[in-house]
Protein backbone atom coordinates (compact mmCIF):
# COMPACT_ATOMS: atom_id res chain seq x y z
CA MET A 1 -0.05 0.03 -0.04
CA ASP A 2 1.17 3.52 -0.68
CA PHE A 3 0.27 6.30 1.78
CA GLY A 4 1.53 9.34 0.03
CA THR A 5 5.26 8.88 -0.09
CA GLY A 6 5.39 6.72 -3.14
CA ASP A 7 6.81 3.66 -1.41
CA ARG A 8 5.12 0.40 -0.76
CA ILE A 9 4.25 0.22 2.93
CA ALA A 10 3.82 -3.14 4.62
CA VAL A 11 0.94 -3.21 7.15
CA VAL A 12 -0.48 -5.91 9.39
CA HIS A 13 -3.93 -5.28 10.78
CA GLN A 14 -5.68 -7.59 13.23
CA ARG A 15 -9.32 -7.29 13.44
CA GLY A 16 -10.92 -6.94 16.89
CA SER A 17 -13.94 -5.75 18.90
CA THR A 18 -15.49 -2.67 17.59
CA ASP A 19 -16.65 -1.42 21.02
CA ARG A 20 -13.29 -1.13 22.53
CA PRO A 21 -10.26 0.93 21.45
CA GLY A 22 -7.67 -0.71 19.13
CA LEU A 23 -3.94 -0.66 19.45
CA PHE A 24 -1.74 1.26 16.93
CA TRP A 25 1.98 0.64 16.98
CA LEU A 26 4.64 3.08 15.96
CA GLY A 27 8.06 1.65 15.97
CA GLY A 28 11.53 3.23 16.40
CA PHE A 29 14.38 4.43 14.06
CA LYS A 30 15.57 1.54 11.96
CA SER A 31 13.23 -0.94 13.72
CA SER A 32 10.54 -3.16 12.34
CA MET A 33 7.06 -4.34 13.19
CA ASP A 34 8.26 -7.72 13.97
CA GLY A 35 10.30 -6.53 16.95
CA THR A 36 9.73 -7.99 20.43
CA LYS A 37 7.46 -5.29 21.86
CA ALA A 38 5.35 -5.04 18.67
CA THR A 39 4.71 -8.77 18.35
CA ALA A 40 3.95 -9.06 22.13
CA LEU A 41 1.28 -6.30 21.81
CA ALA A 42 -0.20 -8.01 18.74
CA SER A 43 -0.36 -11.29 20.47
CA TRP A 44 -1.87 -9.77 23.62
CA ALA A 45 -4.45 -7.88 21.55
CA GLY A 46 -5.44 -11.10 19.89
CA GLN A 47 -5.98 -12.85 23.22
CA HIS A 48 -8.20 -10.00 24.35
CA LYS A 49 -10.08 -9.56 21.06
CA LEU A 50 -8.63 -6.06 20.37
CA ALA A 51 -7.83 -4.69 17.01
CA CYS A 52 -4.12 -4.15 16.46
CA THR A 53 -2.33 -2.21 13.59
CA ARG A 54 1.35 -2.38 12.89
CA PHE A 55 3.36 -1.20 9.84
CA ASP A 56 6.96 -0.59 8.72
CA TYR A 57 7.90 2.92 7.76
CA SER A 58 9.48 3.33 4.29
CA GLY A 59 13.12 2.16 4.35
CA HIS A 60 12.31 -0.11 7.36
CA GLY A 61 11.54 -3.77 7.71
CA VAL A 62 9.75 -5.25 4.60
CA SER A 63 8.46 -1.90 3.40
CA GLY A 64 9.85 -0.32 0.15
CA GLY A 65 12.03 2.76 -0.12
CA SER A 66 15.56 3.73 1.06
CA PHE A 67 16.25 4.19 4.71
CA GLU A 68 18.85 6.79 3.88
CA GLU A 69 16.32 8.86 2.03
CA GLY A 70 13.73 8.81 4.79
CA THR A 71 12.59 11.81 6.69
CA VAL A 72 10.28 12.70 9.57
CA THR A 73 7.83 14.25 7.21
CA GLY A 74 7.55 11.12 5.08
CA TRP A 75 7.30 8.79 8.02
CA LEU A 76 4.66 10.98 9.59
CA LYS A 77 2.66 11.01 6.38
CA GLU A 78 2.79 7.22 6.40
CA ALA A 79 1.69 7.10 10.02
CA VAL A 80 -1.29 9.36 9.41
CA GLY A 81 -2.26 7.49 6.23
CA VAL A 82 -2.06 4.01 7.84
CA PHE A 83 -3.96 5.46 10.93
CA ARG A 84 -6.70 6.82 8.82
CA GLU A 85 -7.11 4.25 6.09
CA VAL A 86 -6.47 1.04 8.14
CA SER A 87 -7.44 1.53 11.76
CA SER A 88 -10.92 2.60 12.84
CA GLY A 89 -12.44 4.16 15.93
CA PRO A 90 -10.42 5.25 18.91
CA GLN A 91 -7.04 3.89 19.30
CA VAL A 92 -4.34 3.55 22.13
CA VAL A 93 -1.29 4.68 20.15
CA ILE A 94 1.99 3.11 21.39
CA GLY A 95 5.19 4.74 20.19
CA SER A 96 8.71 3.49 20.93
CA SER A 97 11.80 5.76 20.70
CA MET A 98 11.30 7.67 17.34
CA GLY A 99 7.83 6.31 17.41
CA GLY A 100 7.05 8.27 20.50
CA TRP A 101 7.96 11.48 18.61
CA LEU A 102 5.75 10.40 15.71
CA ALA A 103 2.89 9.50 18.14
CA LEU A 104 2.85 13.09 19.44
CA LEU A 105 3.10 14.49 15.85
CA LEU A 106 0.19 12.12 14.85
CA CYS A 107 -1.90 13.30 17.80
CA ARG A 108 -1.25 16.96 16.83
CA ALA A 109 -2.17 16.27 13.17
CA LEU A 110 -5.38 14.57 14.07
CA THR A 111 -6.29 17.25 16.61
CA ARG A 112 -5.70 20.05 14.02
CA ALA A 113 -8.03 18.11 11.71
CA HIS A 114 -10.68 17.84 14.37
CA GLU A 115 -10.16 14.15 14.73
CA ALA A 116 -8.76 14.19 18.42
CA ASP A 117 -11.36 11.71 19.43
CA ARG A 118 -9.55 9.00 17.48
CA ILE A 119 -6.78 9.07 20.11
CA HIS A 120 -7.95 7.33 23.22
CA ALA A 121 -4.48 7.33 24.91
CA LEU A 122 -0.76 7.59 24.23
CA VAL A 123 1.90 5.18 25.65
CA LEU A 124 5.37 6.45 24.81
CA ILE A 125 8.36 4.12 25.43
CA ALA A 126 11.77 6.01 25.78
CA PRO A 127 10.25 8.78 23.49
CA ALA A 128 12.92 10.22 21.28
CA VAL A 129 11.22 13.56 20.75
CA ASP A 130 12.99 16.03 18.57
CA MET A 131 15.75 13.41 18.29
CA THR A 132 17.32 14.64 15.08
CA GLU A 133 18.15 17.93 16.76
CA GLU A 134 18.57 17.08 20.48
CA LEU A 135 19.97 13.60 20.33
CA MET A 136 21.89 13.86 17.05
CA TRP A 137 22.96 17.27 15.71
CA LYS A 138 23.60 18.91 19.10
CA ARG A 139 25.65 16.02 20.26
CA PHE A 140 27.58 15.32 17.10
CA PRO A 141 31.31 16.36 17.28
CA ASP A 142 32.45 18.97 14.82
CA GLU A 143 33.96 16.33 12.49
CA VAL A 144 30.65 14.64 12.15
CA ARG A 145 28.77 17.76 11.45
CA GLU A 146 31.39 18.66 8.81
CA GLU A 147 30.94 15.18 7.23
CA LEU A 148 27.11 15.74 7.04
CA ASP A 149 27.72 19.17 5.53
CA THR A 150 30.15 17.91 2.86
CA ALA A 151 29.15 14.34 2.17
CA GLY A 152 25.37 14.61 3.07
CA VAL A 153 25.47 11.45 5.20
CA TYR A 154 27.13 10.01 8.30
CA GLN A 155 27.34 6.35 9.00
CA ARG A 156 26.68 6.15 12.64
CA PRO A 157 27.80 2.94 14.35
CA SER A 158 24.94 0.89 16.10
CA ARG A 159 25.37 -0.53 19.55
CA TYR A 160 22.90 -3.30 18.60
CA GLY A 161 24.78 -5.29 15.95
CA ASP A 162 22.35 -4.38 13.10
CA GLY A 163 24.74 -2.40 10.97
CA ASP A 164 25.58 1.32 10.79
CA TYR A 165 22.77 3.83 10.92
CA ALA A 166 22.80 6.23 7.86
CA ILE A 167 22.09 9.65 9.18
CA SER A 168 21.57 12.13 6.32
CA ARG A 169 21.73 15.90 6.27
CA LYS A 170 18.33 15.76 4.72
CA LEU A 171 16.97 13.94 7.85
CA ILE A 172 18.50 16.52 10.14
CA GLU A 173 17.11 19.50 8.20
CA ASP A 174 13.73 18.00 7.76
CA GLY A 175 13.48 17.13 11.47
CA ARG A 176 13.69 20.87 12.24
CA GLU A 177 10.18 21.27 10.73
CA HIS A 178 8.69 18.94 13.40
CA LEU A 179 10.35 19.97 16.74
CA LEU A 180 8.07 19.95 19.76
CA LEU A 181 10.05 20.89 22.80
CA ALA A 182 10.18 24.60 22.20
CA GLU A 183 6.74 25.12 23.76
CA LEU A 184 4.17 23.60 26.05
CA LEU A 185 2.19 20.80 24.32
CA SER A 186 -1.47 20.52 25.25
CA ILE A 187 -2.62 16.86 25.24
CA HIS A 188 -6.37 15.87 25.66
CA CYS A 189 -5.97 12.21 26.34
CA PRO A 190 -4.12 10.19 28.94
CA VAL A 191 -0.31 9.83 28.33
CA ARG A 192 1.96 7.26 29.85
CA ILE A 193 5.74 7.57 29.48
CA LEU A 194 7.88 4.58 30.32
CA HIS A 195 11.69 5.15 30.39
CA GLY A 196 14.60 3.04 31.47
CA GLU A 197 17.10 4.61 33.88
CA ALA A 198 20.01 2.88 32.02
CA ASP A 199 19.01 4.04 28.59
CA PRO A 200 22.15 4.88 26.70
CA ASP A 201 20.45 6.11 23.53
CA VAL A 202 17.66 8.34 24.78
CA PRO A 203 18.56 9.42 28.40
CA TRP A 204 15.92 9.27 30.93
CA GLU A 205 16.27 13.00 31.43
CA HIS A 206 15.14 13.50 27.87
CA GLY A 207 11.94 11.60 28.68
CA LEU A 208 11.47 13.74 31.90
CA ARG A 209 11.93 16.92 29.86
CA LEU A 210 9.13 15.84 27.55
CA TYR A 211 6.87 15.01 30.56
CA ARG A 212 7.44 18.49 31.83
CA HIS A 213 6.45 19.99 28.47
CA LEU A 214 3.17 18.16 28.32
CA ASP A 215 0.02 19.84 29.61
CA GLY A 216 -2.97 17.55 30.13
CA PRO A 217 -5.41 16.09 32.59
CA ASP A 218 -3.81 12.68 32.92
CA ILE A 219 -0.03 12.31 32.34
CA SER A 220 2.51 10.18 34.07
CA PHE A 221 6.20 9.35 33.83
CA THR A 222 7.56 5.95 35.05
CA LEU A 223 11.29 5.50 35.49
CA ILE A 224 12.22 1.87 35.24
CA LYS A 225 15.28 0.93 37.38
CA ASP A 226 18.10 -0.65 35.32
CA GLY A 227 15.89 -0.45 32.23
CA ASP A 228 17.83 -0.06 28.84
CA HIS A 229 16.50 1.63 25.76
CA ARG A 230 14.65 -1.34 24.27
CA LEU A 231 12.63 -2.19 27.42
CA SER A 232 11.94 -5.64 25.97
CA SER A 233 12.76 -8.05 28.70
CA PRO A 234 9.77 -10.31 29.88
CA GLN A 235 9.35 -8.08 33.01
CA GLU A 236 9.37 -4.89 30.91
CA ILE A 237 6.92 -6.37 28.34
CA GLY A 238 4.70 -7.28 31.21
CA ARG A 239 4.79 -3.70 32.48
CA LEU A 240 4.02 -2.41 29.04
CA LEU A 241 1.02 -4.70 28.69
CA ALA A 242 -0.23 -3.69 32.11
CA THR A 243 0.05 -0.08 31.16
CA VAL A 244 -1.98 -0.48 28.05
CA SER A 245 -4.62 -2.69 29.81
CA ALA A 246 -5.09 -0.06 32.48
CA LEU A 247 -5.96 2.49 29.76
CA LEU A 248 -8.71 0.39 28.22
CA PRO A 249 -12.38 0.60 29.41
CA GLY A 250 -14.04 -2.25 31.00
């Protein structure tokens, strides 16, 4: 399926009860919908007869497109397209890492389109909000910035053994069109932020900064002792599922 970026986007949608909110998964940078957390949520949703929607951004997983050519604008367009065309009714949107940023951008886009009632709640796992600026550009040494300016791309080593991450100048520049932390964010729905204290990629202080920038009636921040960035151990998956379950009616 093509959701406006010209690339074939792989989507998995599980049908579920129409009288309860569904689950909508937004994965992280260079991750796929077949990751531990996403598949655990899908399995749990099936057991509880809940709809669940997962997809791979362009350049990710089994979707088409080039990862190096990806931008926040394109990935957000895909997220909005899949949300509107595949899911239906209210959704608990669960965003991991970059997916946490996209979840907030999705919420803002729907609110501006008078579709705020489609977001039942947000669950943000180590949310990498404004990551291209705050966690990349501002932390890059001068030689990396120079490489981005001259070559247009920097091959960033990964600590997870899945190859280097191609960070493009295009991604950095495009990300500046979607920054959220410059002002207070008004959120109408419940928000749950889960963050590992030992996260080496998105420091927990970044998650707490986001928490302090959110203004809404029901927002909480949970710091998980010794938790890493992925938060995918059995105990951490159990916490995620319990968090989602507590947000569902009945």
